[in-house]
Structures are given as C-alpha cells and as structure tokens.
Amino acid sequence: MLHEEWLEKEAIGQVKVVHTNAKKYKVSDMLTEGQVYDVVNETEEYYHIRDNSGKVGGYYKEYFERL
C-alpha cells in the first residue's frame, strides 16, 4: 500500500500554509500558518504532507500556497 511508504518517501515539493480557517475540520493543531511543509503525495483535491504530528496527513489544497 502506497500510504505506508509515505513516511520514508522523498518530498515531491513544498507548500506554505496561508491560513488554518477550516469550515468543517480543525486543522490548526496540525498546521502552523506561515510554516513550510514537504509534500509526499498530491491528488486533485489534497496535499499529503508531513504535519506537526510527524506523520503524513491529507489536507485540502485551499490551506496552502505552492512553492
């Protein structure tokens, strides 16, 4: 399964958090505004990044700016 390899996978890019104003889910515990994160996987709607927990999480692209 691909998601099991994401912790060791090399980053495919970086994104910067522009806001944590989520409509439905609380993301401010796992993302810090202004911080840059490594992207390990990308889909049409989500970035999968190594977040503040040290694990990989999937977040809507609306929170980020691509670097």
PDB file of N, CA and C in Angstrom:
ATOM      1  N   MET A   1       0.835  -1.179   0.000  1.00  0.00           N
ATOM      2  CA  MET A   1       0.000   0.000   0.000  1.00  0.00           C
ATOM      3  C   MET A   1       0.880   1.242   0.000  1.00  0.00           C
ATOM      4  N   LEU A   2       0.590   2.162  -0.880  1.00  0.00           N
ATOM      5  CA  LEU A   2       1.411   3.352  -1.047  1.00  0.00           C
ATOM      6  C   LEU A   2       1.507   4.219   0.195  1.00  0.00           C
ATOM      7  N   HIS A   3       0.397   4.405   0.912  1.00  0.00           N
ATOM      8  CA  HIS A   3       0.419   5.309   2.067  1.00  0.00           C
ATOM      9  C   HIS A   3       1.350   4.826   3.173  1.00  0.00           C
ATOM     10  N   GLU A   4       1.676   3.550   3.200  1.00  0.00           N
ATOM     11  CA  GLU A   4       2.592   3.023   4.212  1.00  0.00           C
ATOM     12  C   GLU A   4       4.041   3.412   3.924  1.00  0.00           C
ATOM     13  N   GLU A   5       4.341   3.808   2.693  1.00  0.00           N
ATOM     14  CA  GLU A   5       5.687   4.201   2.303  1.00  0.00           C
ATOM     15  C   GLU A   5       5.914   5.713   2.395  1.00  0.00           C
ATOM     16  N   TRP A   6       4.871   6.491   2.649  1.00  0.00           N
ATOM     17  CA  TRP A   6       4.972   7.940   2.603  1.00  0.00           C
ATOM     18  C   TRP A   6       5.898   8.520   3.662  1.00  0.00           C
ATOM     19  N   LEU A   7       6.026   7.887   4.832  1.00  0.00           N
ATOM     20  CA  LEU A   7       6.902   8.429   5.867  1.00  0.00           C
ATOM     21  C   LEU A   7       8.357   8.453   5.429  1.00  0.00           C
ATOM     22  N   GLU A   8       8.773   7.493   4.627  1.00  0.00           N
ATOM     23  CA  GLU A   8      10.153   7.417   4.164  1.00  0.00           C
ATOM     24  C   GLU A   8      10.334   8.010   2.764  1.00  0.00           C
ATOM     25  N   LYS A   9       9.247   8.339   2.109  1.00  0.00           N
ATOM     26  CA  LYS A   9       9.302   8.825   0.734  1.00  0.00           C
ATOM     27  C   LYS A   9       9.931  10.213   0.653  1.00  0.00           C
ATOM     28  N   GLU A  10      10.686  10.444  -0.405  1.00  0.00           N
ATOM     29  CA  GLU A  10      11.295  11.737  -0.655  1.00  0.00           C
ATOM     30  C   GLU A  10      10.215  12.746  -1.040  1.00  0.00           C
ATOM     31  N   ALA A  11      10.376  13.972  -0.619  1.00  0.00           N
ATOM     32  CA  ALA A  11       9.391  15.014  -0.901  1.00  0.00           C
ATOM     33  C   ALA A  11       9.338  15.328  -2.398  1.00  0.00           C
ATOM     34  N   ILE A  12       8.124  15.589  -2.899  1.00  0.00           N
ATOM     35  CA  ILE A  12       7.954  15.935  -4.312  1.00  0.00           C
ATOM     36  C   ILE A  12       7.788  17.438  -4.490  1.00  0.00           C
ATOM     37  N   GLY A  13       7.765  18.164  -3.396  1.00  0.00           N
ATOM     38  CA  GLY A  13       7.622  19.612  -3.445  1.00  0.00           C
ATOM     39  C   GLY A  13       7.403  20.162  -2.052  1.00  0.00           C
ATOM     40  N   GLN A  14       7.178  21.462  -1.981  1.00  0.00           N
ATOM     41  CA  GLN A  14       6.915  22.111  -0.710  1.00  0.00           C
ATOM     42  C   GLN A  14       5.736  23.058  -0.845  1.00  0.00           C
ATOM     43  N   VAL A  15       5.021  23.224   0.270  1.00  0.00           N
ATOM     44  CA  VAL A  15       3.901  24.148   0.327  1.00  0.00           C
ATOM     45  C   VAL A  15       4.011  24.974   1.603  1.00  0.00           C
ATOM     46  N   LYS A  16       3.443  26.176   1.542  1.00  0.00           N
ATOM     47  CA  LYS A  16       3.422  27.068   2.698  1.00  0.00           C
ATOM     48  C   LYS A  16       1.973  27.253   3.121  1.00  0.00           C
ATOM     49  N   VAL A  17       1.715  27.184   4.425  1.00  0.00           N
ATOM     50  CA  VAL A  17       0.358  27.352   4.942  1.00  0.00           C
ATOM     51  C   VAL A  17      -0.002  28.836   4.916  1.00  0.00           C
ATOM     52  N   VAL A  18      -1.117  29.166   4.256  1.00  0.00           N
ATOM     53  CA  VAL A  18      -1.561  30.553   4.186  1.00  0.00           C
ATOM     54  C   VAL A  18      -2.676  30.856   5.183  1.00  0.00           C
ATOM     55  N   HIS A  19      -3.436  29.834   5.594  1.00  0.00           N
ATOM     56  CA  HIS A  19      -4.448  30.018   6.642  1.00  0.00           C
ATOM     57  C   HIS A  19      -4.854  28.658   7.202  1.00  0.00           C
ATOM     58  N   THR A  20      -5.461  28.685   8.382  1.00  0.00           N
ATOM     59  CA  THR A  20      -5.971  27.450   9.002  1.00  0.00           C
ATOM     60  C   THR A  20      -7.446  27.615   9.360  1.00  0.00           C
ATOM     61  N   ASN A  21      -8.144  28.466   8.617  1.00  0.00           N
ATOM     62  CA  ASN A  21      -9.572  28.712   8.844  1.00  0.00           C
ATOM     63  C   ASN A  21     -10.392  27.642   8.149  1.00  0.00           C
ATOM     64  N   ALA A  22     -10.530  26.506   8.793  1.00  0.00           N
ATOM     65  CA  ALA A  22     -11.264  25.396   8.206  1.00  0.00           C
ATOM     66  C   ALA A  22     -12.760  25.556   8.443  1.00  0.00           C
ATOM     67  N   LYS A  23     -13.558  25.199   7.455  1.00  0.00           N
ATOM     68  CA  LYS A  23     -15.008  25.280   7.572  1.00  0.00           C
ATOM     69  C   LYS A  23     -15.571  24.118   8.378  1.00  0.00           C
ATOM     70  N   LYS A  24     -14.971  22.949   8.198  1.00  0.00           N
ATOM     71  CA  LYS A  24     -15.556  21.750   8.781  1.00  0.00           C
ATOM     72  C   LYS A  24     -14.651  21.074   9.819  1.00  0.00           C
ATOM     73  N   TYR A  25     -13.352  21.021   9.566  1.00  0.00           N
ATOM     74  CA  TYR A  25     -12.434  20.299  10.435  1.00  0.00           C
ATOM     75  C   TYR A  25     -11.452  21.248  11.097  1.00  0.00           C
ATOM     76  N   LYS A  26     -10.969  20.900  12.264  1.00  0.00           N
ATOM     77  CA  LYS A  26      -9.968  21.704  12.956  1.00  0.00           C
ATOM     78  C   LYS A  26      -8.585  21.276  12.469  1.00  0.00           C
ATOM     79  N   VAL A  27      -7.879  22.186  11.823  1.00  0.00           N
ATOM     80  CA  VAL A  27      -6.555  21.865  11.300  1.00  0.00           C
ATOM     81  C   VAL A  27      -5.447  22.647  11.999  1.00  0.00           C
ATOM     82  N   SER A  28      -5.796  23.587  12.850  1.00  0.00           N
ATOM     83  CA  SER A  28      -4.793  24.443  13.487  1.00  0.00           C
ATOM     84  C   SER A  28      -3.872  23.684  14.437  1.00  0.00           C
ATOM     85  N   ASP A  29      -4.256  22.504  14.900  1.00  0.00           N
ATOM     86  CA  ASP A  29      -3.374  21.701  15.754  1.00  0.00           C
ATOM     87  C   ASP A  29      -2.272  21.023  14.949  1.00  0.00           C
ATOM     88  N   MET A  30      -2.530  20.768  13.680  1.00  0.00           N
ATOM     89  CA  MET A  30      -1.581  20.033  12.844  1.00  0.00           C
ATOM     90  C   MET A  30      -0.837  20.906  11.851  1.00  0.00           C
ATOM     91  N   LEU A  31      -1.323  22.113  11.600  1.00  0.00           N
ATOM     92  CA  LEU A  31      -0.683  23.037  10.662  1.00  0.00           C
ATOM     93  C   LEU A  31      -0.416  24.363  11.361  1.00  0.00           C
ATOM     94  N   THR A  32       0.687  24.993  11.006  1.00  0.00           N
ATOM     95  CA  THR A  32       1.048  26.289  11.558  1.00  0.00           C
ATOM     96  C   THR A  32       1.111  27.297  10.414  1.00  0.00           C
ATOM     97  N   GLU A  33       0.372  28.397  10.545  1.00  0.00           N
ATOM     98  CA  GLU A  33       0.372  29.426   9.497  1.00  0.00           C
ATOM     99  C   GLU A  33       1.775  29.952   9.255  1.00  0.00           C
ATOM    100  N   GLY A  34       2.146  30.052   7.979  1.00  0.00           N
ATOM    101  CA  GLY A  34       3.449  30.560   7.604  1.00  0.00           C
ATOM    102  C   GLY A  34       4.543  29.509   7.529  1.00  0.00           C
ATOM    103  N   GLN A  35       4.293  28.319   8.042  1.00  0.00           N
ATOM    104  CA  GLN A  35       5.306  27.265   8.023  1.00  0.00           C
ATOM    105  C   GLN A  35       5.301  26.536   6.680  1.00  0.00           C
ATOM    106  N   VAL A  36       6.476  26.039   6.292  1.00  0.00           N
ATOM    107  CA  VAL A  36       6.645  25.309   5.040  1.00  0.00           C
ATOM    108  C   VAL A  36       6.693  23.820   5.348  1.00  0.00           C
ATOM    109  N   TYR A  37       5.942  23.030   4.578  1.00  0.00           N
ATOM    110  CA  TYR A  37       5.870  21.581   4.768  1.00  0.00           C
ATOM    111  C   TYR A  37       6.258  20.858   3.482  1.00  0.00           C
ATOM    112  N   ASP A  38       6.798  19.653   3.637  1.00  0.00           N
ATOM    113  CA  ASP A  38       7.151  18.810   2.495  1.00  0.00           C
ATOM    114  C   ASP A  38       5.930  18.036   2.021  1.00  0.00           C
ATOM    115  N   VAL A  39       5.699  18.035   0.717  1.00  0.00           N
ATOM    116  CA  VAL A  39       4.598  17.286   0.113  1.00  0.00           C
ATOM    117  C   VAL A  39       5.131  15.909  -0.296  1.00  0.00           C
ATOM    118  N   VAL A  40       4.462  14.841   0.169  1.00  0.00           N
ATOM    119  CA  VAL A  40       4.885  13.491  -0.213  1.00  0.00           C
ATOM    120  C   VAL A  40       3.956  12.859  -1.236  1.00  0.00           C
ATOM    121  N   ASN A  41       2.745  13.416  -1.377  1.00  0.00           N
ATOM    122  CA  ASN A  41       1.806  12.926  -2.385  1.00  0.00           C
ATOM    123  C   ASN A  41       0.796  14.041  -2.666  1.00  0.00           C
ATOM    124  N   GLU A  42       0.295  14.070  -3.879  1.00  0.00           N
ATOM    125  CA  GLU A  42      -0.672  15.095  -4.270  1.00  0.00           C
ATOM    126  C   GLU A  42      -1.781  14.453  -5.087  1.00  0.00           C
ATOM    127  N   THR A  43      -3.017  14.832  -4.779  1.00  0.00           N
ATOM    128  CA  THR A  43      -4.155  14.418  -5.581  1.00  0.00           C
ATOM    129  C   THR A  43      -4.825  15.685  -6.116  1.00  0.00           C
ATOM    130  N   GLU A  44      -5.940  15.519  -6.781  1.00  0.00           N
ATOM    131  CA  GLU A  44      -6.646  16.662  -7.341  1.00  0.00           C
ATOM    132  C   GLU A  44      -7.121  17.634  -6.256  1.00  0.00           C
ATOM    133  N   GLU A  45      -7.532  17.109  -5.091  1.00  0.00           N
ATOM    134  CA  GLU A  45      -8.088  17.928  -4.014  1.00  0.00           C
ATOM    135  C   GLU A  45      -7.159  18.145  -2.832  1.00  0.00           C
ATOM    136  N   TYR A  46      -6.210  17.235  -2.613  1.00  0.00           N
ATOM    137  CA  TYR A  46      -5.437  17.216  -1.372  1.00  0.00           C
ATOM    138  C   TYR A  46      -3.934  17.246  -1.600  1.00  0.00           C
ATOM    139  N   TYR A  47      -3.231  17.771  -0.577  1.00  0.00           N
ATOM    140  CA  TYR A  47      -1.795  17.563  -0.420  1.00  0.00           C
ATOM    141  C   TYR A  47      -1.635  16.618   0.758  1.00  0.00           C
ATOM    142  N   HIS A  48      -0.769  15.652   0.635  1.00  0.00           N
ATOM    143  CA  HIS A  48      -0.414  14.781   1.741  1.00  0.00           C
ATOM    144  C   HIS A  48       0.969  15.228   2.200  1.00  0.00           C
ATOM    145  N   ILE A  49       1.018  15.742   3.434  1.00  0.00           N
ATOM    146  CA  ILE A  49       2.246  16.350   3.936  1.00  0.00           C
ATOM    147  C   ILE A  49       2.644  15.739   5.273  1.00  0.00           C
ATOM    148  N   ARG A  50       3.904  15.936   5.642  1.00  0.00           N
ATOM    149  CA  ARG A  50       4.352  15.603   6.993  1.00  0.00           C
ATOM    150  C   ARG A  50       3.985  16.796   7.863  1.00  0.00           C
ATOM    151  N   ASP A  51       2.988  16.605   8.734  1.00  0.00           N
ATOM    152  CA  ASP A  51       2.461  17.718   9.519  1.00  0.00           C
ATOM    153  C   ASP A  51       3.145  17.831  10.885  1.00  0.00           C
ATOM    154  N   ASN A  52       2.583  18.634  11.793  1.00  0.00           N
ATOM    155  CA  ASN A  52       3.178  18.869  13.110  1.00  0.00           C
ATOM    156  C   ASN A  52       3.242  17.620  13.979  1.00  0.00           C
ATOM    157  N   SER A  53       2.469  16.605  13.672  1.00  0.00           N
ATOM    158  CA  SER A  53       2.494  15.359  14.444  1.00  0.00           C
ATOM    159  C   SER A  53       3.678  14.475  14.053  1.00  0.00           C
ATOM    160  N   GLY A  54       4.325  14.803  12.924  1.00  0.00           N
ATOM    161  CA  GLY A  54       5.432  13.988  12.439  1.00  0.00           C
ATOM    162  C   GLY A  54       4.975  12.873  11.515  1.00  0.00           C
ATOM    163  N   LYS A  55       3.672  12.764  11.331  1.00  0.00           N
ATOM    164  CA  LYS A  55       3.107  11.750  10.448  1.00  0.00           C
ATOM    165  C   LYS A  55       2.585  12.430   9.185  1.00  0.00           C
ATOM    166  N   VAL A  56       2.153  11.634   8.242  1.00  0.00           N
ATOM    167  CA  VAL A  56       1.617  12.170   6.994  1.00  0.00           C
ATOM    168  C   VAL A  56       0.106  12.317   7.110  1.00  0.00           C
ATOM    169  N   GLY A  57      -0.385  13.502   6.779  1.00  0.00           N
ATOM    170  CA  GLY A  57      -1.815  13.768   6.793  1.00  0.00           C
ATOM    171  C   GLY A  57      -2.232  14.402   5.484  1.00  0.00           C
ATOM    172  N   GLY A  58      -3.490  14.224   5.113  1.00  0.00           N
ATOM    173  CA  GLY A  58      -4.024  14.804   3.890  1.00  0.00           C
ATOM    174  C   GLY A  58      -4.865  16.027   4.207  1.00  0.00           C
ATOM    175  N   TYR A  59      -4.590  17.133   3.511  1.00  0.00           N
ATOM    176  CA  TYR A  59      -5.281  18.390   3.754  1.00  0.00           C
ATOM    177  C   TYR A  59      -5.708  19.011   2.432  1.00  0.00           C
ATOM    178  N   TYR A  60      -6.863  19.708   2.461  1.00  0.00           N
ATOM    179  CA  TYR A  60      -7.340  20.401   1.267  1.00  0.00           C
ATOM    180  C   TYR A  60      -6.279  21.395   0.793  1.00  0.00           C
ATOM    181  N   LYS A  61      -6.181  21.563  -0.494  1.00  0.00           N
ATOM    182  CA  LYS A  61      -5.199  22.467  -1.086  1.00  0.00           C
ATOM    183  C   LYS A  61      -5.469  23.936  -0.756  1.00  0.00           C
ATOM    184  N   GLU A  62      -6.690  24.254  -0.338  1.00  0.00           N
ATOM    185  CA  GLU A  62      -7.049  25.651  -0.074  1.00  0.00           C
ATOM    186  C   GLU A  62      -6.251  26.274   1.078  1.00  0.00           C
ATOM    187  N   TYR A  63      -5.630  25.471   1.926  1.00  0.00           N
ATOM    188  CA  TYR A  63      -4.865  25.989   3.053  1.00  0.00           C
ATOM    189  C   TYR A  63      -3.439  26.378   2.662  1.00  0.00           C
ATOM    190  N   PHE A  64      -3.005  26.052   1.449  1.00  0.00           N
ATOM    191  CA  PHE A  64      -1.599  26.155   1.083  1.00  0.00           C
ATOM    192  C   PHE A  64      -1.345  27.025  -0.137  1.00  0.00           C
ATOM    193  N   GLU A  65      -0.093  27.409  -0.229  1.00  0.00           N
ATOM    194  CA  GLU A  65       0.451  28.083  -1.410  1.00  0.00           C
ATOM    195  C   GLU A  65       1.632  27.247  -1.868  1.00  0.00           C
ATOM    196  N   ARG A  66       1.647  26.860  -3.120  1.00  0.00           N
ATOM    197  CA  ARG A  66       2.734  26.018  -3.658  1.00  0.00           C
ATOM    198  C   ARG A  66       4.009  26.839  -3.807  1.00  0.00           C
ATOM    199  N   LEU A  67       5.143  26.301  -3.373  1.00  0.00           N
ATOM    200  CA  LEU A  67       6.427  26.999  -3.505  1.00  0.00           C
ATOM    201  C   LEU A  67       7.197  26.464  -4.691  1.00  0.00           C
TER     202      LEU A  67
END
